[in-house]
Amino acid sequence: MDPLTALAAIKTGVAAGKQLHNLSKEIAGFFDATDSAKKAHAKKKNSVFSSANEEAMATWTQAQNAKTAETELREFIVNTKGFSAYQDLLKVRREVIAQRKEAEKQAALEAEERQELIMSILVILLLVIAVVGGFGFWLQMKGYIDL
């Protein structure tokens, strides 16, 4: 979603009398869109392979639109709900970001544990196969089994 589209949705919701906490989906979409626009520009700007000026301008324009939309949202909320409402919104945003980072960290730990478990199982299976194969070879060498 484009930051400006998300901003329009928020403004429409507030104008219709909705409370900010009832617009959480739209606000989350807005901040996700602005963050992704900024990250895309930073990624292209720092990329070794990025030489296309047109693409750099596109990401720069998106990043500037995101900054403008954030400024408009701040002004809109401060003018309609007050400065404390905007501060509450930023507090909630920080909490959501912290929760997402924690969830990503937890998912990475779980993936690592799952990978370690798979590796342990594979090592155990290889050891079992080696022991059974070695025992079979020993039995064959002693003449207990013929193949």
Protein backbone atom coordinates (compact mmCIF):
# COMPACT_ATOMS: atom_id res chain seq x y z
CA MET A 1 0.00 0.00 0.00
CA ASP A 2 1.17 3.51 -0.82
CA PRO A 3 1.75 5.79 2.21
CA LEU A 4 -0.41 8.51 0.68
CA THR A 5 -3.29 6.07 0.13
CA ALA A 6 -2.99 4.86 3.72
CA LEU A 7 -2.92 8.46 4.93
CA ALA A 8 -6.10 9.21 3.00
CA ALA A 9 -7.77 6.18 4.59
CA ILE A 10 -6.80 7.39 8.06
CA LYS A 11 -8.01 10.92 7.39
CA THR A 12 -11.30 9.59 6.04
CA GLY A 13 -11.76 7.41 9.10
CA VAL A 14 -11.05 10.26 11.52
CA ALA A 15 -13.32 12.58 9.54
CA ALA A 16 -16.06 9.96 9.79
CA GLY A 17 -15.72 10.09 13.57
CA LYS A 18 -13.69 6.94 14.17
CA GLN A 19 -11.26 6.85 17.07
CA LEU A 20 -7.56 6.28 16.39
CA HIS A 21 -7.56 2.91 18.13
CA ASN A 22 -10.34 1.80 15.73
CA LEU A 23 -8.07 2.70 12.80
CA SER A 24 -5.22 0.48 13.96
CA LYS A 25 -5.22 -1.56 10.74
CA GLU A 26 -4.97 1.57 8.59
CA ILE A 27 -2.32 3.12 10.83
CA ALA A 28 -0.27 -0.09 10.82
CA GLY A 29 -0.54 -0.19 7.04
CA PHE A 30 0.56 3.43 6.86
CA PHE A 31 3.65 2.91 8.99
CA ASP A 32 4.50 -0.34 7.19
CA ALA A 33 4.27 1.47 3.84
CA THR A 34 6.43 4.38 5.00
CA ASP A 35 9.02 2.08 6.55
CA SER A 36 9.21 -0.10 3.45
CA ALA A 37 9.59 2.96 1.19
CA LYS A 38 12.46 4.25 3.33
CA LYS A 39 14.12 0.82 3.48
CA ALA A 40 13.78 0.34 -0.28
CA HIS A 41 15.52 3.64 -0.93
CA ALA A 42 18.28 2.93 1.58
CA LYS A 43 18.80 -0.51 0.04
CA LYS A 44 19.02 0.83 -3.51
CA LYS A 45 21.22 3.73 -2.41
CA ASN A 46 23.70 1.39 -0.73
CA SER A 47 23.57 -1.31 -3.40
CA VAL A 48 26.71 -2.02 -5.40
CA PHE A 49 24.66 -2.96 -8.46
CA SER A 50 22.40 0.08 -8.36
CA SER A 51 23.46 2.30 -11.20
CA ALA A 52 20.13 3.08 -12.77
CA ASN A 53 19.32 6.70 -11.99
CA GLU A 54 15.69 6.15 -12.83
CA GLU A 55 15.29 3.45 -10.20
CA ALA A 56 17.19 5.54 -7.64
CA MET A 57 14.90 8.49 -8.34
CA ALA A 58 11.83 6.28 -7.96
CA THR A 59 12.92 5.02 -4.55
CA TRP A 60 13.96 8.53 -3.51
CA THR A 61 10.55 9.85 -4.52
CA GLN A 62 8.84 7.09 -2.53
CA ALA A 63 10.98 7.88 0.51
CA GLN A 64 10.18 11.59 0.21
CA ASN A 65 6.47 10.80 -0.16
CA ALA A 66 6.68 8.66 2.97
CA LYS A 67 8.31 11.51 4.93
CA THR A 68 5.70 13.96 3.66
CA ALA A 69 2.89 11.57 4.55
CA GLU A 70 4.30 11.09 8.07
CA THR A 71 4.44 14.86 8.53
CA GLU A 72 0.87 15.22 7.27
CA LEU A 73 -0.32 12.46 9.59
CA ARG A 74 1.39 14.10 12.57
CA GLU A 75 -0.14 17.47 11.76
CA PHE A 76 -3.55 15.95 11.13
CA ILE A 77 -3.62 14.01 14.39
CA VAL A 78 -2.22 16.92 16.41
CA ASN A 79 -4.83 19.27 14.91
CA THR A 80 -7.77 16.89 15.36
CA LYS A 81 -6.92 14.90 18.49
CA GLY A 82 -4.11 16.81 20.14
CA PHE A 83 -0.38 16.36 20.63
CA SER A 84 -0.83 13.73 23.35
CA ALA A 85 -2.78 11.51 20.92
CA TYR A 86 0.13 11.64 18.49
CA GLN A 87 2.57 10.80 21.27
CA ASP A 88 0.34 7.84 22.22
CA LEU A 89 0.37 6.73 18.59
CA LEU A 90 4.17 6.85 18.49
CA LYS A 91 4.34 4.91 21.76
CA VAL A 92 2.10 2.19 20.32
CA ARG A 93 4.21 2.14 17.14
CA ARG A 94 7.40 1.62 19.16
CA GLU A 95 5.72 -1.20 21.11
CA VAL A 96 4.57 -2.90 17.90
CA ILE A 97 8.06 -2.62 16.40
CA ALA A 98 9.56 -4.11 19.56
CA GLN A 99 7.03 -6.96 19.49
CA ARG A 100 7.76 -7.67 15.82
CA LYS A 101 11.52 -7.70 16.45
CA GLU A 102 11.02 -10.06 19.38
CA ALA A 103 8.82 -12.33 17.26
CA GLU A 104 11.43 -12.35 14.48
CA LYS A 105 14.16 -13.14 17.01
CA GLN A 106 12.04 -15.95 18.47
CA ALA A 107 11.31 -17.36 15.00
CA ALA A 108 15.03 -17.30 14.16
CA LEU A 109 15.84 -19.14 17.40
CA GLU A 110 13.16 -21.75 16.70
CA ALA A 111 14.46 -22.23 13.15
CA GLU A 112 18.00 -22.66 14.48
CA GLU A 113 16.83 -25.18 17.09
CA ARG A 114 14.89 -27.07 14.42
CA GLN A 115 17.99 -27.16 12.20
CA GLU A 116 20.12 -28.43 15.08
CA LEU A 117 17.55 -31.15 15.81
CA ILE A 118 17.55 -32.26 12.17
CA MET A 119 21.36 -32.36 12.12
CA SER A 120 21.40 -34.40 15.35
CA ILE A 121 18.91 -36.88 13.92
CA LEU A 122 20.96 -37.22 10.72
CA VAL A 123 24.16 -37.82 12.69
CA ILE A 124 22.44 -40.46 14.83
CA LEU A 125 21.03 -42.18 11.73
CA LEU A 126 24.45 -42.20 10.08
CA LEU A 127 26.00 -43.67 13.22
CA VAL A 128 23.31 -46.38 13.41
CA ILE A 129 23.83 -47.22 9.72
CA ALA A 130 27.59 -47.34 10.22
CA VAL A 131 27.31 -49.60 13.28
CA VAL A 132 24.81 -51.97 11.62
CA GLY A 133 26.84 -52.02 8.41
CA GLY A 134 30.07 -52.62 10.31
CA PHE A 135 28.49 -55.40 12.34
CA GLY A 136 27.15 -56.98 9.15
CA PHE A 137 30.54 -56.75 7.50
CA TRP A 138 32.14 -58.33 10.57
CA LEU A 139 29.60 -61.17 10.50
CA GLN A 140 30.29 -61.71 6.80
CA MET A 141 34.04 -61.76 7.35
CA LYS A 142 33.64 -64.35 10.15
CA GLY A 143 31.51 -66.48 7.81
CA TYR A 144 28.28 -66.28 9.76
CA ILE A 145 26.41 -64.83 6.78
CA ASP A 146 26.86 -65.34 3.06
CA LEU A 147 25.80 -62.85 0.46
